[in-house]
PDB file of N, CA and C in Angstrom:
ATOM      1  N   MET A   1       0.846  -1.166   0.000  1.00  0.00           N
ATOM      2  CA  MET A   1       0.000   0.000   0.000  1.00  0.00           C
ATOM      3  C   MET A   1       0.899   1.239   0.000  1.00  0.00           C
ATOM      4  N   PRO A   2       0.739   2.123  -0.985  1.00  0.00           N
ATOM      5  CA  PRO A   2       1.579   3.317  -1.049  1.00  0.00           C
ATOM      6  C   PRO A   2       1.274   4.291   0.087  1.00  0.00           C
ATOM      7  N   LEU A   3       2.300   4.992   0.517  1.00  0.00           N
ATOM      8  CA  LEU A   3       2.125   6.012   1.546  1.00  0.00           C
ATOM      9  C   LEU A   3       1.500   7.260   0.927  1.00  0.00           C
ATOM     10  N   GLU A   4       0.874   8.058   1.757  1.00  0.00           N
ATOM     11  CA  GLU A   4       0.325   9.320   1.273  1.00  0.00           C
ATOM     12  C   GLU A   4       1.474  10.199   0.802  1.00  0.00           C
ATOM     13  N   SER A   5       1.265  10.918  -0.298  1.00  0.00           N
ATOM     14  CA  SER A   5       2.337  11.728  -0.873  1.00  0.00           C
ATOM     15  C   SER A   5       2.809  12.806   0.098  1.00  0.00           C
ATOM     16  N   GLY A   6       1.918  13.396   0.871  1.00  0.00           N
ATOM     17  CA  GLY A   6       2.304  14.422   1.833  1.00  0.00           C
ATOM     18  C   GLY A   6       3.198  13.871   2.922  1.00  0.00           C
ATOM     19  N   LEU A   7       2.957  12.629   3.330  1.00  0.00           N
ATOM     20  CA  LEU A   7       3.767  12.004   4.369  1.00  0.00           C
ATOM     21  C   LEU A   7       5.180  11.745   3.861  1.00  0.00           C
ATOM     22  N   LEU A   8       5.290  11.248   2.648  1.00  0.00           N
ATOM     23  CA  LEU A   8       6.601  10.938   2.090  1.00  0.00           C
ATOM     24  C   LEU A   8       7.444  12.200   1.922  1.00  0.00           C
ATOM     25  N   GLU A   9       6.819  13.326   1.677  1.00  0.00           N
ATOM     26  CA  GLU A   9       7.544  14.588   1.503  1.00  0.00           C
ATOM     27  C   GLU A   9       8.200  15.069   2.793  1.00  0.00           C
ATOM     28  N   ILE A  10       7.642  14.729   3.948  1.00  0.00           N
ATOM     29  CA  ILE A  10       8.190  15.235   5.208  1.00  0.00           C
ATOM     30  C   ILE A  10       9.105  14.230   5.908  1.00  0.00           C
ATOM     31  N   LEU A  11       9.111  12.977   5.456  1.00  0.00           N
ATOM     32  CA  LEU A  11       9.973  11.972   6.073  1.00  0.00           C
ATOM     33  C   LEU A  11      11.404  12.109   5.565  1.00  0.00           C
ATOM     34  N   ALA A  12      12.363  11.810   6.428  1.00  0.00           N
ATOM     35  CA  ALA A  12      13.780  11.835   6.064  1.00  0.00           C
ATOM     36  C   ALA A  12      14.484  10.671   6.745  1.00  0.00           C
ATOM     37  N   CYS A  13      15.613  10.302   6.212  1.00  0.00           N
ATOM     38  CA  CYS A  13      16.422   9.230   6.785  1.00  0.00           C
ATOM     39  C   CYS A  13      16.895   9.652   8.172  1.00  0.00           C
ATOM     40  N   PRO A  14      16.646   8.846   9.193  1.00  0.00           N
ATOM     41  CA  PRO A  14      17.096   9.184  10.540  1.00  0.00           C
ATOM     42  C   PRO A  14      18.623   9.213  10.677  1.00  0.00           C
ATOM     43  N   ALA A  15      19.326   8.490   9.831  1.00  0.00           N
ATOM     44  CA  ALA A  15      20.780   8.412   9.932  1.00  0.00           C
ATOM     45  C   ALA A  15      21.480   9.618   9.307  1.00  0.00           C
ATOM     46  N   CYS A  16      21.011  10.060   8.116  1.00  0.00           N
ATOM     47  CA  CYS A  16      21.727  11.129   7.411  1.00  0.00           C
ATOM     48  C   CYS A  16      20.836  12.314   7.034  1.00  0.00           C
ATOM     49  N   HIS A  17      19.550  12.206   7.276  1.00  0.00           N
ATOM     50  CA  HIS A  17      18.556  13.261   7.032  1.00  0.00           C
ATOM     51  C   HIS A  17      18.284  13.534   5.550  1.00  0.00           C
ATOM     52  N   ALA A  18      18.655  12.620   4.669  1.00  0.00           N
ATOM     53  CA  ALA A  18      18.362  12.748   3.241  1.00  0.00           C
ATOM     54  C   ALA A  18      16.905  12.342   2.991  1.00  0.00           C
ATOM     55  N   PRO A  19      16.317  12.789   1.877  1.00  0.00           N
ATOM     56  CA  PRO A  19      14.952  12.364   1.530  1.00  0.00           C
ATOM     57  C   PRO A  19      14.871  10.856   1.299  1.00  0.00           C
ATOM     58  N   LEU A  20      13.665  10.323   1.412  1.00  0.00           N
ATOM     59  CA  LEU A  20      13.416   8.902   1.201  1.00  0.00           C
ATOM     60  C   LEU A  20      12.546   8.713  -0.032  1.00  0.00           C
ATOM     61  N   THR A  21      12.727   7.585  -0.718  1.00  0.00           N
ATOM     62  CA  THR A  21      11.857   7.214  -1.823  1.00  0.00           C
ATOM     63  C   THR A  21      11.210   5.872  -1.489  1.00  0.00           C
ATOM     64  N   GLU A  22      10.025   5.671  -2.015  1.00  0.00           N
ATOM     65  CA  GLU A  22       9.283   4.443  -1.730  1.00  0.00           C
ATOM     66  C   GLU A  22       9.536   3.419  -2.828  1.00  0.00           C
ATOM     67  N   ARG A  23       9.884   2.200  -2.407  1.00  0.00           N
ATOM     68  CA  ARG A  23      10.078   1.098  -3.345  1.00  0.00           C
ATOM     69  C   ARG A  23       9.534  -0.170  -2.705  1.00  0.00           C
ATOM     70  N   ASP A  24       8.528  -0.749  -3.315  1.00  0.00           N
ATOM     71  CA  ASP A  24       7.871  -1.959  -2.799  1.00  0.00           C
ATOM     72  C   ASP A  24       7.417  -1.738  -1.349  1.00  0.00           C
ATOM     73  N   THR A  25       7.982  -2.486  -0.416  1.00  0.00           N
ATOM     74  CA  THR A  25       7.578  -2.369   0.990  1.00  0.00           C
ATOM     75  C   THR A  25       8.675  -1.731   1.828  1.00  0.00           C
ATOM     76  N   GLU A  26       9.466  -0.860   1.194  1.00  0.00           N
ATOM     77  CA  GLU A  26      10.565  -0.201   1.892  1.00  0.00           C
ATOM     78  C   GLU A  26      10.630   1.271   1.517  1.00  0.00           C
ATOM     79  N   LEU A  27      11.253   2.049   2.397  1.00  0.00           N
ATOM     80  CA  LEU A  27      11.616   3.426   2.105  1.00  0.00           C
ATOM     81  C   LEU A  27      13.126   3.452   2.000  1.00  0.00           C
ATOM     82  N   ILE A  28      13.634   3.919   0.870  1.00  0.00           N
ATOM     83  CA  ILE A  28      15.063   3.889   0.581  1.00  0.00           C
ATOM     84  C   ILE A  28      15.644   5.294   0.708  1.00  0.00           C
ATOM     85  N   CYS A  29      16.757   5.410   1.422  1.00  0.00           N
ATOM     86  CA  CYS A  29      17.470   6.679   1.549  1.00  0.00           C
ATOM     87  C   CYS A  29      18.068   7.037   0.191  1.00  0.00           C
ATOM     88  N   THR A  30      17.925   8.305  -0.224  1.00  0.00           N
ATOM     89  CA  THR A  30      18.432   8.738  -1.529  1.00  0.00           C
ATOM     90  C   THR A  30      19.900   9.103  -1.503  1.00  0.00           C
ATOM     91  N   ASP A  31      20.519   9.196  -0.340  1.00  0.00           N
ATOM     92  CA  ASP A  31      21.942   9.504  -0.232  1.00  0.00           C
ATOM     93  C   ASP A  31      22.733   8.253  -0.594  1.00  0.00           C
ATOM     94  N   THR A  32      23.580   8.348  -1.619  1.00  0.00           N
ATOM     95  CA  THR A  32      24.309   7.163  -2.089  1.00  0.00           C
ATOM     96  C   THR A  32      25.319   6.643  -1.074  1.00  0.00           C
ATOM     97  N   SER A  33      25.811   7.493  -0.198  1.00  0.00           N
ATOM     98  CA  SER A  33      26.762   7.013   0.800  1.00  0.00           C
ATOM     99  C   SER A  33      26.056   6.323   1.978  1.00  0.00           C
ATOM    100  N   CYS A  34      24.761   6.563   2.141  1.00  0.00           N
ATOM    101  CA  CYS A  34      23.986   5.946   3.221  1.00  0.00           C
ATOM    102  C   CYS A  34      23.200   4.763   2.658  1.00  0.00           C
ATOM    103  N   GLY A  35      22.164   5.039   1.895  1.00  0.00           N
ATOM    104  CA  GLY A  35      21.400   4.015   1.194  1.00  0.00           C
ATOM    105  C   GLY A  35      20.612   3.039   2.044  1.00  0.00           C
ATOM    106  N   LEU A  36      20.361   3.338   3.314  1.00  0.00           N
ATOM    107  CA  LEU A  36      19.604   2.422   4.165  1.00  0.00           C
ATOM    108  C   LEU A  36      18.188   2.227   3.632  1.00  0.00           C
ATOM    109  N   ALA A  37      17.644   1.047   3.844  1.00  0.00           N
ATOM    110  CA  ALA A  37      16.282   0.720   3.427  1.00  0.00           C
ATOM    111  C   ALA A  37      15.462   0.414   4.674  1.00  0.00           C
ATOM    112  N   TYR A  38      14.434   1.221   4.903  1.00  0.00           N
ATOM    113  CA  TYR A  38      13.593   1.082   6.090  1.00  0.00           C
ATOM    114  C   TYR A  38      12.310   0.342   5.721  1.00  0.00           C
ATOM    115  N   PRO A  39      11.898  -0.639   6.527  1.00  0.00           N
ATOM    116  CA  PRO A  39      10.681  -1.391   6.211  1.00  0.00           C
ATOM    117  C   PRO A  39       9.419  -0.567   6.459  1.00  0.00           C
ATOM    118  N   VAL A  40       8.370  -0.914   5.715  1.00  0.00           N
ATOM    119  CA  VAL A  40       7.037  -0.362   5.952  1.00  0.00           C
ATOM    120  C   VAL A  40       6.166  -1.550   6.329  1.00  0.00           C
ATOM    121  N   ARG A  41       5.670  -1.551   7.558  1.00  0.00           N
ATOM    122  CA  ARG A  41       4.868  -2.674   8.057  1.00  0.00           C
ATOM    123  C   ARG A  41       3.442  -2.205   8.306  1.00  0.00           C
ATOM    124  N   ASP A  42       2.497  -2.857   7.674  1.00  0.00           N
ATOM    125  CA  ASP A  42       1.077  -2.520   7.804  1.00  0.00           C
ATOM    126  C   ASP A  42       0.827  -1.043   7.504  1.00  0.00           C
ATOM    127  N   GLY A  43       1.556  -0.498   6.509  1.00  0.00           N
ATOM    128  CA  GLY A  43       1.381   0.888   6.106  1.00  0.00           C
ATOM    129  C   GLY A  43       2.075   1.895   6.994  1.00  0.00           C
ATOM    130  N   ILE A  44       2.872   1.427   7.955  1.00  0.00           N
ATOM    131  CA  ILE A  44       3.559   2.316   8.898  1.00  0.00           C
ATOM    132  C   ILE A  44       5.065   2.206   8.678  1.00  0.00           C
ATOM    133  N   PRO A  45       5.736   3.332   8.332  1.00  0.00           N
ATOM    134  CA  PRO A  45       7.185   3.289   8.164  1.00  0.00           C
ATOM    135  C   PRO A  45       7.889   3.058   9.505  1.00  0.00           C
ATOM    136  N   VAL A  46       8.838   2.137   9.522  1.00  0.00           N
ATOM    137  CA  VAL A  46       9.625   1.852  10.716  1.00  0.00           C
ATOM    138  C   VAL A  46      10.983   2.522  10.515  1.00  0.00           C
ATOM    139  N   LEU A  47      11.106   3.751  10.990  1.00  0.00           N
ATOM    140  CA  LEU A  47      12.304   4.546  10.745  1.00  0.00           C
ATOM    141  C   LEU A  47      13.300   4.435  11.903  1.00  0.00           C
ATOM    142  N   LEU A  48      13.690   3.212  12.168  1.00  0.00           N
ATOM    143  CA  LEU A  48      14.694   2.922  13.188  1.00  0.00           C
ATOM    144  C   LEU A  48      15.942   2.393  12.485  1.00  0.00           C
ATOM    145  N   VAL A  49      17.079   2.990  12.766  1.00  0.00           N
ATOM    146  CA  VAL A  49      18.325   2.579  12.105  1.00  0.00           C
ATOM    147  C   VAL A  49      18.613   1.110  12.387  1.00  0.00           C
ATOM    148  N   ASP A  50      18.284   0.623  13.576  1.00  0.00           N
ATOM    149  CA  ASP A  50      18.505  -0.788  13.915  1.00  0.00           C
ATOM    150  C   ASP A  50      17.653  -1.731  13.097  1.00  0.00           C
ATOM    151  N   GLU A  51      16.520  -1.260  12.580  1.00  0.00           N
ATOM    152  CA  GLU A  51      15.616  -2.090  11.775  1.00  0.00           C
ATOM    153  C   GLU A  51      15.917  -1.975  10.270  1.00  0.00           C
ATOM    154  N   ALA A  52      16.768  -1.038   9.880  1.00  0.00           N
ATOM    155  CA  ALA A  52      17.042  -0.786   8.475  1.00  0.00           C
ATOM    156  C   ALA A  52      17.953  -1.868   7.879  1.00  0.00           C
ATOM    157  N   ARG A  53      17.758  -2.078   6.583  1.00  0.00           N
ATOM    158  CA  ARG A  53      18.593  -3.019   5.836  1.00  0.00           C
ATOM    159  C   ARG A  53      19.723  -2.222   5.200  1.00  0.00           C
ATOM    160  N   ARG A  54      20.938  -2.708   5.355  1.00  0.00           N
ATOM    161  CA  ARG A  54      22.108  -2.067   4.747  1.00  0.00           C
ATOM    162  C   ARG A  54      22.101  -2.306   3.230  1.00  0.00           C
ATOM    163  N   PRO A  55      22.646  -1.371   2.459  1.00  0.00           N
ATOM    164  CA  PRO A  55      22.684  -1.585   1.002  1.00  0.00           C
ATOM    165  C   PRO A  55      23.580  -2.772   0.626  1.00  0.00           C
ATOM    166  N   ALA A  56      23.237  -3.407  -0.458  1.00  0.00           N
ATOM    167  CA  ALA A  56      23.995  -4.583  -0.902  1.00  0.00           C
ATOM    168  C   ALA A  56      25.318  -4.202  -1.517  1.00  0.00           C
TER     169      ALA A  56
END
């Protein structure tokens, strides 16, 4: 389920404060040096660095 566009505009990566983009069931940091992927569970973004997936 896609997030509301207004919500995505105000969210930022907790680690580096870069904007996030939505891909499948994750929010991806747009900063290439960070690149963390945060899960979205039941339509709720989990913006915890400990829960984020590191880039491959």
